[in-house]
Amino acid sequence: MQLIPSLLFGISASLDALLVGVSFGLRGVHIRPLQNLFISLIALLGTCLSVGLGGLVTPLLPPMMGNCVGSLILMLLGIYYITKWILTALQNQVQDHRSESDPPALISTEQTLPCLTAPQVLLLSLTLTANNLGIGLSASMAGLTLIPAATATCICSVLFLYLGNHLGQCRLLQLIGGLTDPISGLLLVFLSLIQLFF
């Protein structure tokens, strides 16, 4: 029964990689296969550490409390992502009314990058890893096991980063890229309910 929760976890934890891939694809920045693999492996390491830490914390809690606490944290993280997206959308609407010329200027200056540099790869790896730490810890406390969760995260990260980078000009991918926070939030809420009641 760990397959569906692990898959949901992997998708939710890796949606940021899709957004990153789309944003670099839109600017014509190519993410090489080895760079993609390196980024995904660093994210995998962070996921393993956080899920492993959750596995160490859970036995210290009373029976069933670890599952409830982990599920509650997952649900709160999901609500946070949804709320963050709503606030960001409202803020962007206000900024769009103030200035209409900023987005084209940003796009034209960022199109000069042909591929990711080594510092960008490292920064990207650490950023995506940091996003997985809290989710991994709470998912482990909610009852998710290490190997299925880590495997799903690594596979989803590689696929999402690759697809986002190569399909960055697709309108559907642009729409999905803009909706990563609410989709991730809904997946986390759904995952928390599965872990809590099943």
N, C-alpha and C. Protein backbone atom coordinates (compact mmCIF):
# COMPACT_ATOMS: atom_id res chain seq x y z
N MET A 1 0.81 -1.21 0.00
CA MET A 1 0.00 0.00 0.00
C MET A 1 0.84 1.27 0.00
N GLN A 2 2.16 1.13 -0.13
CA GLN A 2 3.03 2.30 -0.12
C GLN A 2 3.19 2.91 -1.51
N LEU A 3 2.68 2.24 -2.55
CA LEU A 3 2.92 2.70 -3.91
C LEU A 3 2.24 4.04 -4.19
N ILE A 4 0.94 4.15 -3.93
CA ILE A 4 0.21 5.38 -4.23
C ILE A 4 0.68 6.54 -3.36
N PRO A 5 0.80 6.37 -2.01
CA PRO A 5 1.32 7.48 -1.21
C PRO A 5 2.73 7.90 -1.63
N SER A 6 3.59 6.94 -1.96
CA SER A 6 4.95 7.29 -2.39
C SER A 6 4.94 8.05 -3.70
N LEU A 7 4.07 7.63 -4.61
CA LEU A 7 3.96 8.33 -5.89
C LEU A 7 3.43 9.75 -5.70
N LEU A 8 2.43 9.90 -4.85
CA LEU A 8 1.91 11.24 -4.56
C LEU A 8 2.99 12.11 -3.93
N PHE A 9 3.76 11.51 -3.02
CA PHE A 9 4.85 12.24 -2.38
C PHE A 9 5.89 12.66 -3.41
N GLY A 10 6.28 11.72 -4.30
CA GLY A 10 7.28 12.03 -5.31
C GLY A 10 6.83 13.13 -6.24
N ILE A 11 5.56 13.09 -6.66
CA ILE A 11 5.04 14.14 -7.54
C ILE A 11 5.02 15.48 -6.83
N SER A 12 4.50 15.49 -5.62
CA SER A 12 4.40 16.74 -4.87
C SER A 12 5.76 17.34 -4.58
N ALA A 13 6.71 16.49 -4.19
CA ALA A 13 8.04 16.99 -3.85
C ALA A 13 8.82 17.44 -5.08
N SER A 14 8.42 16.97 -6.27
CA SER A 14 9.18 17.26 -7.49
C SER A 14 8.53 18.30 -8.40
N LEU A 15 7.37 18.82 -8.01
CA LEU A 15 6.70 19.79 -8.88
C LEU A 15 7.53 21.06 -9.07
N ASP A 16 8.32 21.39 -8.05
CA ASP A 16 9.21 22.55 -8.20
C ASP A 16 10.20 22.33 -9.34
N ALA A 17 10.62 21.08 -9.54
CA ALA A 17 11.55 20.78 -10.63
C ALA A 17 10.89 21.04 -11.98
N LEU A 18 9.59 20.77 -12.09
CA LEU A 18 8.88 21.07 -13.33
C LEU A 18 8.87 22.57 -13.59
N LEU A 19 8.58 23.35 -12.54
CA LEU A 19 8.57 24.80 -12.67
C LEU A 19 9.94 25.34 -13.08
N VAL A 20 10.99 24.79 -12.45
CA VAL A 20 12.35 25.21 -12.78
C VAL A 20 12.67 24.87 -14.23
N GLY A 21 12.31 23.65 -14.66
CA GLY A 21 12.57 23.25 -16.04
C GLY A 21 11.85 24.12 -17.04
N VAL A 22 10.59 24.45 -16.76
CA VAL A 22 9.81 25.31 -17.65
C VAL A 22 10.43 26.70 -17.73
N SER A 23 10.81 27.25 -16.57
CA SER A 23 11.36 28.61 -16.57
C SER A 23 12.67 28.70 -17.35
N PHE A 24 13.53 27.69 -17.20
CA PHE A 24 14.78 27.70 -17.96
C PHE A 24 14.52 27.41 -19.44
N GLY A 25 13.54 26.54 -19.73
CA GLY A 25 13.20 26.26 -21.11
C GLY A 25 12.67 27.48 -21.83
N LEU A 26 11.88 28.28 -21.15
CA LEU A 26 11.34 29.50 -21.73
C LEU A 26 12.44 30.49 -22.09
N ARG A 27 13.52 30.45 -21.35
CA ARG A 27 14.64 31.37 -21.60
C ARG A 27 15.68 30.77 -22.53
N GLY A 28 15.41 29.57 -23.04
CA GLY A 28 16.35 28.93 -23.94
C GLY A 28 17.58 28.37 -23.26
N VAL A 29 17.49 28.15 -21.94
CA VAL A 29 18.61 27.61 -21.17
C VAL A 29 18.50 26.08 -21.14
N HIS A 30 19.53 25.41 -21.63
CA HIS A 30 19.52 23.95 -21.71
C HIS A 30 20.09 23.33 -20.43
N ILE A 31 19.34 22.40 -19.86
CA ILE A 31 19.82 21.64 -18.70
C ILE A 31 20.32 20.30 -19.23
N ARG A 32 21.61 20.08 -19.14
CA ARG A 32 22.20 18.85 -19.68
C ARG A 32 21.81 17.64 -18.84
N PRO A 33 21.81 16.44 -19.47
CA PRO A 33 21.41 15.23 -18.73
C PRO A 33 22.21 15.00 -17.45
N LEU A 34 23.53 15.23 -17.50
CA LEU A 34 24.33 15.03 -16.29
C LEU A 34 23.99 16.06 -15.21
N GLN A 35 23.68 17.29 -15.63
CA GLN A 35 23.27 18.31 -14.67
C GLN A 35 21.93 17.92 -14.05
N ASN A 36 21.02 17.43 -14.87
CA ASN A 36 19.71 16.98 -14.38
C ASN A 36 19.89 15.86 -13.36
N LEU A 37 20.75 14.90 -13.69
CA LEU A 37 20.99 13.77 -12.80
C LEU A 37 21.61 14.23 -11.48
N PHE A 38 22.57 15.15 -11.57
CA PHE A 38 23.22 15.67 -10.36
C PHE A 38 22.21 16.37 -9.46
N ILE A 39 21.38 17.24 -10.06
CA ILE A 39 20.36 17.96 -9.30
C ILE A 39 19.41 16.98 -8.62
N SER A 40 18.97 15.97 -9.37
CA SER A 40 18.02 15.00 -8.83
C SER A 40 18.64 14.14 -7.73
N LEU A 41 19.92 13.80 -7.87
CA LEU A 41 20.60 12.99 -6.85
C LEU A 41 20.79 13.77 -5.55
N ILE A 42 21.09 15.07 -5.67
CA ILE A 42 21.21 15.90 -4.46
C ILE A 42 19.84 16.00 -3.78
N ALA A 43 18.78 16.19 -4.57
CA ALA A 43 17.43 16.22 -4.01
C ALA A 43 17.09 14.88 -3.36
N LEU A 44 17.54 13.79 -3.99
CA LEU A 44 17.32 12.45 -3.43
C LEU A 44 18.01 12.31 -2.08
N LEU A 45 19.23 12.81 -1.99
CA LEU A 45 19.97 12.75 -0.72
C LEU A 45 19.22 13.50 0.38
N GLY A 46 18.73 14.70 0.04
CA GLY A 46 17.96 15.47 1.02
C GLY A 46 16.69 14.75 1.44
N THR A 47 16.03 14.10 0.48
CA THR A 47 14.82 13.34 0.79
C THR A 47 15.14 12.17 1.72
N CYS A 48 16.23 11.45 1.42
CA CYS A 48 16.62 10.31 2.26
C CYS A 48 16.94 10.76 3.69
N LEU A 49 17.65 11.88 3.81
CA LEU A 49 17.99 12.39 5.13
C LEU A 49 16.74 12.77 5.92
N SER A 50 15.82 13.47 5.25
CA SER A 50 14.63 13.94 5.97
C SER A 50 13.70 12.78 6.32
N VAL A 51 13.51 11.83 5.39
CA VAL A 51 12.67 10.68 5.68
C VAL A 51 13.32 9.80 6.76
N GLY A 52 14.65 9.65 6.68
CA GLY A 52 15.36 8.89 7.71
C GLY A 52 15.26 9.53 9.07
N LEU A 53 15.36 10.85 9.12
CA LEU A 53 15.23 11.56 10.39
C LEU A 53 13.83 11.39 10.97
N GLY A 54 12.84 11.45 10.07
CA GLY A 54 11.47 11.22 10.54
C GLY A 54 11.29 9.82 11.10
N GLY A 55 11.98 8.84 10.49
CA GLY A 55 11.92 7.48 10.99
C GLY A 55 12.55 7.33 12.36
N LEU A 56 13.54 8.17 12.67
CA LEU A 56 14.17 8.14 13.99
C LEU A 56 13.31 8.85 15.04
N VAL A 57 12.60 9.90 14.62
CA VAL A 57 11.79 10.67 15.56
C VAL A 57 10.51 9.92 15.93
N THR A 58 9.92 9.24 14.95
CA THR A 58 8.62 8.59 15.16
C THR A 58 8.59 7.60 16.32
N PRO A 59 9.61 6.72 16.49
CA PRO A 59 9.57 5.77 17.63
C PRO A 59 9.60 6.45 18.99
N LEU A 60 10.06 7.70 19.06
CA LEU A 60 10.12 8.40 20.34
C LEU A 60 8.75 8.92 20.75
N LEU A 61 7.81 8.97 19.80
CA LEU A 61 6.48 9.47 20.10
C LEU A 61 5.57 8.32 20.51
N PRO A 62 4.49 8.62 21.25
CA PRO A 62 3.52 7.57 21.62
C PRO A 62 2.91 6.93 20.37
N PRO A 63 2.47 5.67 20.48
CA PRO A 63 1.86 5.00 19.31
C PRO A 63 0.71 5.82 18.72
N MET A 64 0.64 5.84 17.42
CA MET A 64 -0.36 6.57 16.63
C MET A 64 -0.15 8.08 16.63
N MET A 65 0.59 8.61 17.61
CA MET A 65 0.78 10.06 17.64
C MET A 65 1.67 10.51 16.49
N GLY A 66 2.72 9.70 16.18
CA GLY A 66 3.61 10.06 15.09
C GLY A 66 2.87 10.17 13.77
N ASN A 67 1.98 9.21 13.52
CA ASN A 67 1.19 9.22 12.30
C ASN A 67 0.30 10.46 12.23
N CYS A 68 -0.35 10.78 13.35
CA CYS A 68 -1.25 11.94 13.39
C CYS A 68 -0.46 13.24 13.23
N VAL A 69 0.67 13.35 13.92
CA VAL A 69 1.48 14.57 13.83
C VAL A 69 2.02 14.74 12.41
N GLY A 70 2.54 13.65 11.83
CA GLY A 70 3.07 13.74 10.48
C GLY A 70 2.00 14.12 9.47
N SER A 71 0.82 13.51 9.59
CA SER A 71 -0.27 13.82 8.68
C SER A 71 -0.73 15.26 8.84
N LEU A 72 -0.78 15.74 10.08
CA LEU A 72 -1.18 17.12 10.33
C LEU A 72 -0.17 18.10 9.71
N ILE A 73 1.13 17.79 9.86
CA ILE A 73 2.15 18.66 9.28
C ILE A 73 2.04 18.67 7.76
N LEU A 74 1.82 17.50 7.16
CA LEU A 74 1.62 17.43 5.71
C LEU A 74 0.44 18.29 5.28
N MET A 75 -0.65 18.20 6.03
CA MET A 75 -1.83 18.98 5.69
C MET A 75 -1.55 20.47 5.81
N LEU A 76 -0.85 20.87 6.87
CA LEU A 76 -0.51 22.28 7.05
C LEU A 76 0.42 22.77 5.96
N LEU A 77 1.37 21.93 5.54
CA LEU A 77 2.25 22.30 4.43
C LEU A 77 1.44 22.49 3.14
N GLY A 78 0.49 21.59 2.91
CA GLY A 78 -0.36 21.72 1.73
C GLY A 78 -1.17 23.01 1.76
N ILE A 79 -1.76 23.32 2.90
CA ILE A 79 -2.52 24.57 3.04
C ILE A 79 -1.61 25.77 2.86
N TYR A 80 -0.38 25.67 3.37
CA TYR A 80 0.59 26.76 3.20
C TYR A 80 0.89 27.02 1.73
N TYR A 81 1.13 25.95 0.95
CA TYR A 81 1.44 26.12 -0.47
C TYR A 81 0.27 26.74 -1.22
N ILE A 82 -0.95 26.30 -0.89
CA ILE A 82 -2.13 26.86 -1.56
C ILE A 82 -2.30 28.34 -1.20
N THR A 83 -2.14 28.66 0.08
CA THR A 83 -2.25 30.05 0.52
C THR A 83 -1.17 30.92 -0.09
N LYS A 84 0.05 30.38 -0.15
CA LYS A 84 1.16 31.11 -0.76
C LYS A 84 0.87 31.44 -2.22
N TRP A 85 0.30 30.48 -2.95
CA TRP A 85 -0.03 30.71 -4.36
C TRP A 85 -1.09 31.79 -4.51
N ILE A 86 -2.11 31.76 -3.64
CA ILE A 86 -3.18 32.77 -3.71
C ILE A 86 -2.62 34.15 -3.44
N LEU A 87 -1.78 34.27 -2.39
CA LEU A 87 -1.20 35.58 -2.06
C LEU A 87 -0.27 36.08 -3.16
N THR A 88 0.51 35.16 -3.75
CA THR A 88 1.41 35.55 -4.84
C THR A 88 0.62 36.01 -6.06
N ALA A 89 -0.48 35.31 -6.36
CA ALA A 89 -1.31 35.71 -7.50
C ALA A 89 -1.92 37.09 -7.29
N LEU A 90 -2.37 37.35 -6.07
CA LEU A 90 -2.92 38.67 -5.77
C LEU A 90 -1.85 39.76 -5.86
N GLN A 91 -0.66 39.45 -5.36
CA GLN A 91 0.44 40.41 -5.41
C GLN A 91 0.85 40.69 -6.86
N ASN A 92 0.87 39.64 -7.69
CA ASN A 92 1.23 39.83 -9.10
C ASN A 92 0.22 40.68 -9.84
N GLN A 93 -1.06 40.54 -9.48
CA GLN A 93 -2.08 41.37 -10.11
C GLN A 93 -1.88 42.84 -9.78
N VAL A 94 -1.51 43.11 -8.53
CA VAL A 94 -1.25 44.49 -8.12
C VAL A 94 -0.04 45.04 -8.86
N GLN A 95 1.01 44.23 -8.98
CA GLN A 95 2.23 44.68 -9.67
C GLN A 95 1.99 44.87 -11.16
N ASP A 96 1.13 44.04 -11.76
CA ASP A 96 0.83 44.18 -13.18
C ASP A 96 0.14 45.51 -13.48
N HIS A 97 -0.67 45.97 -12.55
CA HIS A 97 -1.34 47.25 -12.74
C HIS A 97 -0.37 48.41 -12.63
N ARG A 98 0.67 48.23 -11.83
CA ARG A 98 1.64 49.31 -11.65
C ARG A 98 2.62 49.41 -12.79
N SER A 99 3.06 48.28 -13.32
CA SER A 99 4.07 48.31 -14.39
C SER A 99 3.80 47.21 -15.39
N GLU A 100 3.65 47.57 -16.66
CA GLU A 100 3.39 46.61 -17.73
C GLU A 100 4.65 46.24 -18.50
N SER A 101 5.74 46.97 -18.30
CA SER A 101 6.92 46.78 -19.16
C SER A 101 8.01 45.91 -18.52
N ASP A 102 7.86 45.51 -17.26
CA ASP A 102 8.93 44.75 -16.60
C ASP A 102 9.14 43.34 -17.15
N PRO A 103 8.08 42.53 -17.37
CA PRO A 103 8.32 41.15 -17.83
C PRO A 103 9.10 41.04 -19.14
N PRO A 104 8.77 41.82 -20.20
CA PRO A 104 9.57 41.72 -21.42
C PRO A 104 11.03 42.06 -21.20
N ALA A 105 11.29 43.05 -20.34
CA ALA A 105 12.68 43.44 -20.08
C ALA A 105 13.44 42.31 -19.41
N LEU A 106 12.78 41.64 -18.46
CA LEU A 106 13.44 40.53 -17.77
C LEU A 106 13.73 39.38 -18.73
N ILE A 107 12.78 39.07 -19.59
CA ILE A 107 12.96 37.95 -20.53
C ILE A 107 14.11 38.23 -21.48
N SER A 108 14.19 39.46 -21.98
CA SER A 108 15.22 39.78 -22.96
C SER A 108 16.62 39.75 -22.35
N THR A 109 16.75 40.09 -21.06
CA THR A 109 18.07 40.08 -20.44
C THR A 109 18.50 38.67 -20.05
N GLU A 110 17.54 37.77 -19.77
CA GLU A 110 17.89 36.44 -19.31
C GLU A 110 18.08 35.45 -20.46
N GLN A 111 17.78 35.84 -21.69
CA GLN A 111 17.90 34.91 -22.80
C GLN A 111 19.35 34.74 -23.25
N THR A 112 20.29 35.44 -22.61
CA THR A 112 21.68 35.34 -23.03
C THR A 112 22.36 34.09 -22.47
N LEU A 113 21.74 33.39 -21.53
CA LEU A 113 22.34 32.20 -20.92
C LEU A 113 22.09 30.98 -21.79
N PRO A 114 23.14 30.35 -22.38
CA PRO A 114 22.94 29.18 -23.23
C PRO A 114 22.73 27.89 -22.44
N CYS A 115 23.35 27.76 -21.28
CA CYS A 115 23.20 26.54 -20.47
C CYS A 115 23.51 26.87 -19.02
N LEU A 116 23.19 25.94 -18.15
CA LEU A 116 23.43 26.16 -16.73
C LEU A 116 24.93 26.15 -16.42
N THR A 117 25.35 27.06 -15.54
CA THR A 117 26.73 27.05 -15.07
C THR A 117 26.82 26.17 -13.83
N ALA A 118 28.03 25.83 -13.42
CA ALA A 118 28.22 24.97 -12.25
C ALA A 118 27.62 25.58 -10.98
N PRO A 119 27.83 26.89 -10.70
CA PRO A 119 27.19 27.47 -9.50
C PRO A 119 25.67 27.41 -9.56
N GLN A 120 25.10 27.60 -10.76
CA GLN A 120 23.65 27.53 -10.90
C GLN A 120 23.14 26.12 -10.62
N VAL A 121 23.87 25.12 -11.09
CA VAL A 121 23.48 23.73 -10.84
C VAL A 121 23.50 23.44 -9.35
N LEU A 122 24.55 23.89 -8.66
CA LEU A 122 24.66 23.65 -7.22
C LEU A 122 23.56 24.37 -6.46
N LEU A 123 23.31 25.64 -6.82
CA LEU A 123 22.27 26.41 -6.15
C LEU A 123 20.90 25.80 -6.37
N LEU A 124 20.66 25.35 -7.60
CA LEU A 124 19.40 24.71 -7.94
C LEU A 124 19.21 23.42 -7.14
N SER A 125 20.28 22.64 -7.02
CA SER A 125 20.23 21.39 -6.27
C SER A 125 19.87 21.64 -4.81
N LEU A 126 20.53 22.62 -4.20
CA LEU A 126 20.29 22.92 -2.80
C LEU A 126 18.89 23.48 -2.57
N THR A 127 18.42 24.29 -3.52
CA THR A 127 17.08 24.87 -3.39
C THR A 127 16.01 23.80 -3.45
N LEU A 128 16.10 22.91 -4.44
CA LEU A 128 15.11 21.84 -4.56
C LEU A 128 15.19 20.87 -3.38
N THR A 129 16.42 20.66 -2.86
CA THR A 129 16.58 19.79 -1.70
C THR A 129 15.94 20.40 -0.46
N ALA A 130 16.14 21.71 -0.26
CA ALA A 130 15.56 22.39 0.89
C ALA A 130 14.04 22.31 0.87
N ASN A 131 13.45 22.37 -0.33
CA ASN A 131 12.00 22.26 -0.43
C ASN A 131 11.49 20.89 -0.01
N ASN A 132 12.33 19.86 -0.14
CA ASN A 132 11.91 18.49 0.18
C ASN A 132 12.09 18.13 1.65
N LEU A 133 12.89 18.90 2.38
CA LEU A 133 13.23 18.50 3.74
C LEU A 133 12.02 18.42 4.65
N GLY A 134 11.24 19.48 4.69
CA GLY A 134 10.06 19.49 5.56
C GLY A 134 9.02 18.47 5.15
N ILE A 135 8.83 18.35 3.83
CA ILE A 135 7.85 17.38 3.33
C ILE A 135 8.30 15.96 3.66
N GLY A 136 9.59 15.67 3.47
CA GLY A 136 10.10 14.33 3.74
C GLY A 136 10.00 13.95 5.20
N LEU A 137 10.32 14.89 6.09
CA LEU A 137 10.26 14.64 7.52
C LEU A 137 8.83 14.32 7.96
N SER A 138 7.89 15.16 7.54
CA SER A 138 6.50 14.96 7.96
C SER A 138 5.90 13.71 7.31
N ALA A 139 6.28 13.44 6.04
CA ALA A 139 5.76 12.24 5.37
C ALA A 139 6.25 10.98 6.07
N SER A 140 7.49 10.99 6.52
CA SER A 140 8.03 9.83 7.24
C SER A 140 7.30 9.63 8.56
N MET A 141 7.03 10.71 9.27
CA MET A 141 6.30 10.62 10.52
C MET A 141 4.87 10.14 10.29
N ALA A 142 4.34 10.43 9.09
CA ALA A 142 2.98 10.00 8.77
C ALA A 142 2.93 8.54 8.34
N GLY A 143 4.10 7.88 8.20
CA GLY A 143 4.12 6.46 7.90
C GLY A 143 4.71 6.08 6.57
N LEU A 144 5.24 7.04 5.81
CA LEU A 144 5.84 6.73 4.52
C LEU A 144 7.23 6.13 4.74
N THR A 145 7.57 5.08 3.98
CA THR A 145 8.86 4.41 4.14
C THR A 145 9.89 5.00 3.18
N LEU A 146 11.15 4.82 3.50
CA LEU A 146 12.25 5.50 2.83
C LEU A 146 12.41 5.13 1.36
N ILE A 147 12.57 3.85 1.06
CA ILE A 147 12.95 3.45 -0.30
C ILE A 147 11.88 3.82 -1.34
N PRO A 148 10.59 3.51 -1.13
CA PRO A 148 9.60 3.92 -2.13
C PRO A 148 9.51 5.44 -2.30
N ALA A 149 9.58 6.18 -1.18
CA ALA A 149 9.49 7.63 -1.26
C ALA A 149 10.68 8.23 -1.99
N ALA A 150 11.88 7.75 -1.67
CA ALA A 150 13.09 8.27 -2.30
C ALA A 150 13.12 7.93 -3.79
N THR A 151 12.73 6.70 -4.13
CA THR A 151 12.71 6.28 -5.53
C THR A 151 11.74 7.13 -6.34
N ALA A 152 10.53 7.31 -5.81
CA ALA A 152 9.52 8.12 -6.51
C ALA A 152 9.99 9.55 -6.68
N THR A 153 10.64 10.11 -5.65
CA THR A 153 11.13 11.48 -5.73
C THR A 153 12.20 11.63 -6.79
N CYS A 154 13.14 10.71 -6.83
CA CYS A 154 14.23 10.80 -7.80
C CYS A 154 13.70 10.67 -9.24
N ILE A 155 12.83 9.70 -9.47
CA ILE A 155 12.29 9.50 -10.82
C ILE A 155 11.47 10.71 -11.26
N CYS A 156 10.60 11.19 -10.38
CA CYS A 156 9.77 12.35 -10.72
C CYS A 156 10.62 13.59 -10.95
N SER A 157 11.66 13.77 -10.15
CA SER A 157 12.52 14.94 -10.30
C SER A 157 13.22 14.95 -11.66
N VAL A 158 13.79 13.80 -12.04
CA VAL A 158 14.47 13.71 -13.34
C VAL A 158 13.49 13.96 -14.48
N LEU A 159 12.33 13.31 -14.42
CA LEU A 159 11.34 13.44 -15.50
C LEU A 159 10.80 14.87 -15.58
N PHE A 160 10.44 15.45 -14.44
CA PHE A 160 9.84 16.78 -14.45
C PHE A 160 10.84 17.83 -14.93
N LEU A 161 12.09 17.73 -14.48
CA LEU A 161 13.10 18.69 -14.90
C LEU A 161 13.36 18.58 -16.40
N TYR A 162 13.41 17.35 -16.90
CA TYR A 162 13.64 17.12 -18.33
C TYR A 162 12.47 17.63 -19.16
N LEU A 163 11.25 17.22 -18.78
CA LEU A 163 10.07 17.64 -19.53
C LEU A 163 9.88 19.15 -19.50
N GLY A 164 10.06 19.73 -18.33
CA GLY A 164 9.90 21.18 -18.22
C GLY A 164 10.90 21.93 -19.08
N ASN A 165 12.14 21.45 -19.10
CA ASN A 165 13.18 22.13 -19.87
C ASN A 165 12.95 22.03 -21.37
N HIS A 166 12.49 20.87 -21.83
CA HIS A 166 12.33 20.67 -23.27
C HIS A 166 10.97 21.11 -23.80
N LEU A 167 10.01 21.27 -22.94
CA LEU A 167 8.68 21.69 -23.38
C LEU A 167 8.30 23.05 -22.80
N GLY A 168 9.30 23.87 -22.52
CA GLY A 168 9.08 25.16 -21.90
C GLY A 168 8.22 26.11 -22.71
N GLN A 169 8.17 25.94 -24.01
CA GLN A 169 7.38 26.83 -24.87
C GLN A 169 5.92 26.40 -24.97
N CYS A 170 5.60 25.22 -24.47
CA CYS A 170 4.23 24.72 -24.55
C CYS A 170 3.33 25.48 -23.58
N ARG A 171 2.16 25.92 -24.07
CA ARG A 171 1.24 26.70 -23.23
C ARG A 171 0.76 25.89 -22.02
N LEU A 172 0.51 24.60 -22.23
CA LEU A 172 0.04 23.76 -21.13
C LEU A 172 1.07 23.68 -20.03
N LEU A 173 2.34 23.51 -20.41
CA LEU A 173 3.41 23.45 -19.41
C LEU A 173 3.57 24.78 -18.69
N GLN A 174 3.38 25.89 -19.39
CA GLN A 174 3.45 27.20 -18.74
C GLN A 174 2.35 27.31 -17.69
N LEU A 175 1.15 26.82 -18.04
CA LEU A 175 0.03 26.87 -17.10
C LEU A 175 0.31 26.00 -15.88
N ILE A 176 0.78 24.76 -16.13
CA ILE A 176 1.09 23.85 -15.02
C ILE A 176 2.21 24.42 -14.16
N GLY A 177 3.22 25.04 -14.82
CA GLY A 177 4.32 25.63 -14.08
C GLY A 177 3.84 26.70 -13.12
N GLY A 178 2.85 27.48 -13.56
CA GLY A 178 2.30 28.52 -12.69
C GLY A 178 1.43 27.98 -11.58
N LEU A 179 1.02 26.72 -11.70
CA LEU A 179 0.12 26.13 -10.71
C LEU A 179 0.80 25.08 -9.84
N THR A 180 2.14 25.08 -9.81
CA THR A 180 2.83 24.06 -9.02
C THR A 180 2.51 24.14 -7.53
N ASP A 181 2.42 25.35 -6.99
CA ASP A 181 2.14 25.48 -5.56
C ASP A 181 0.77 24.93 -5.18
N PRO A 182 -0.33 25.34 -5.86
CA PRO A 182 -1.62 24.78 -5.45
C PRO A 182 -1.75 23.28 -5.74
N ILE A 183 -1.16 22.80 -6.85
CA ILE A 183 -1.22 21.36 -7.14
C ILE A 183 -0.46 20.59 -6.08
N SER A 184 0.74 21.09 -5.74
CA SER A 184 1.54 20.44 -4.69
C SER A 184 0.80 20.46 -3.36
N GLY A 185 0.18 21.59 -3.06
CA GLY A 185 -0.58 21.70 -1.81
C GLY A 185 -1.73 20.72 -1.73
N LEU A 186 -2.49 20.61 -2.83
CA LEU A 186 -3.61 19.67 -2.86
C LEU A 186 -3.13 18.22 -2.73
N LEU A 187 -2.01 17.90 -3.39
CA LEU A 187 -1.46 16.55 -3.28
C LEU A 187 -1.04 16.24 -1.85
N LEU A 188 -0.44 17.23 -1.18
CA LEU A 188 -0.01 17.02 0.21
C LEU A 188 -1.20 16.82 1.14
N VAL A 189 -2.26 17.61 0.92
CA VAL A 189 -3.46 17.44 1.74
C VAL A 189 -4.06 16.05 1.50
N PHE A 190 -4.12 15.64 0.23
CA PHE A 190 -4.65 14.31 -0.11
C PHE A 190 -3.79 13.21 0.50
N LEU A 191 -2.46 13.38 0.41
CA LEU A 191 -1.53 12.41 1.00
C LEU A 191 -1.72 12.31 2.51
N SER A 192 -1.90 13.46 3.16
CA SER A 192 -2.08 13.45 4.62
C SER A 192 -3.35 12.70 5.00
N LEU A 193 -4.42 12.87 4.22
CA LEU A 193 -5.66 12.17 4.50
C LEU A 193 -5.51 10.65 4.29
N ILE A 194 -4.77 10.27 3.23
CA ILE A 194 -4.54 8.84 2.99
C ILE A 194 -3.76 8.22 4.15
N GLN A 195 -2.68 8.92 4.58
CA GLN A 195 -1.85 8.38 5.65
C GLN A 195 -2.58 8.36 6.99
N LEU A 196 -3.53 9.27 7.16
CA LEU A 196 -4.24 9.38 8.43
C LEU A 196 -5.34 8.34 8.57
N PHE A 197 -6.05 8.07 7.48
CA PHE A 197 -7.24 7.22 7.57
C PHE A 197 -7.07 5.83 6.97
N PHE A 198 -5.95 5.56 6.28
CA PHE A 198 -5.79 4.24 5.65
C PHE A 198 -4.53 3.55 6.13
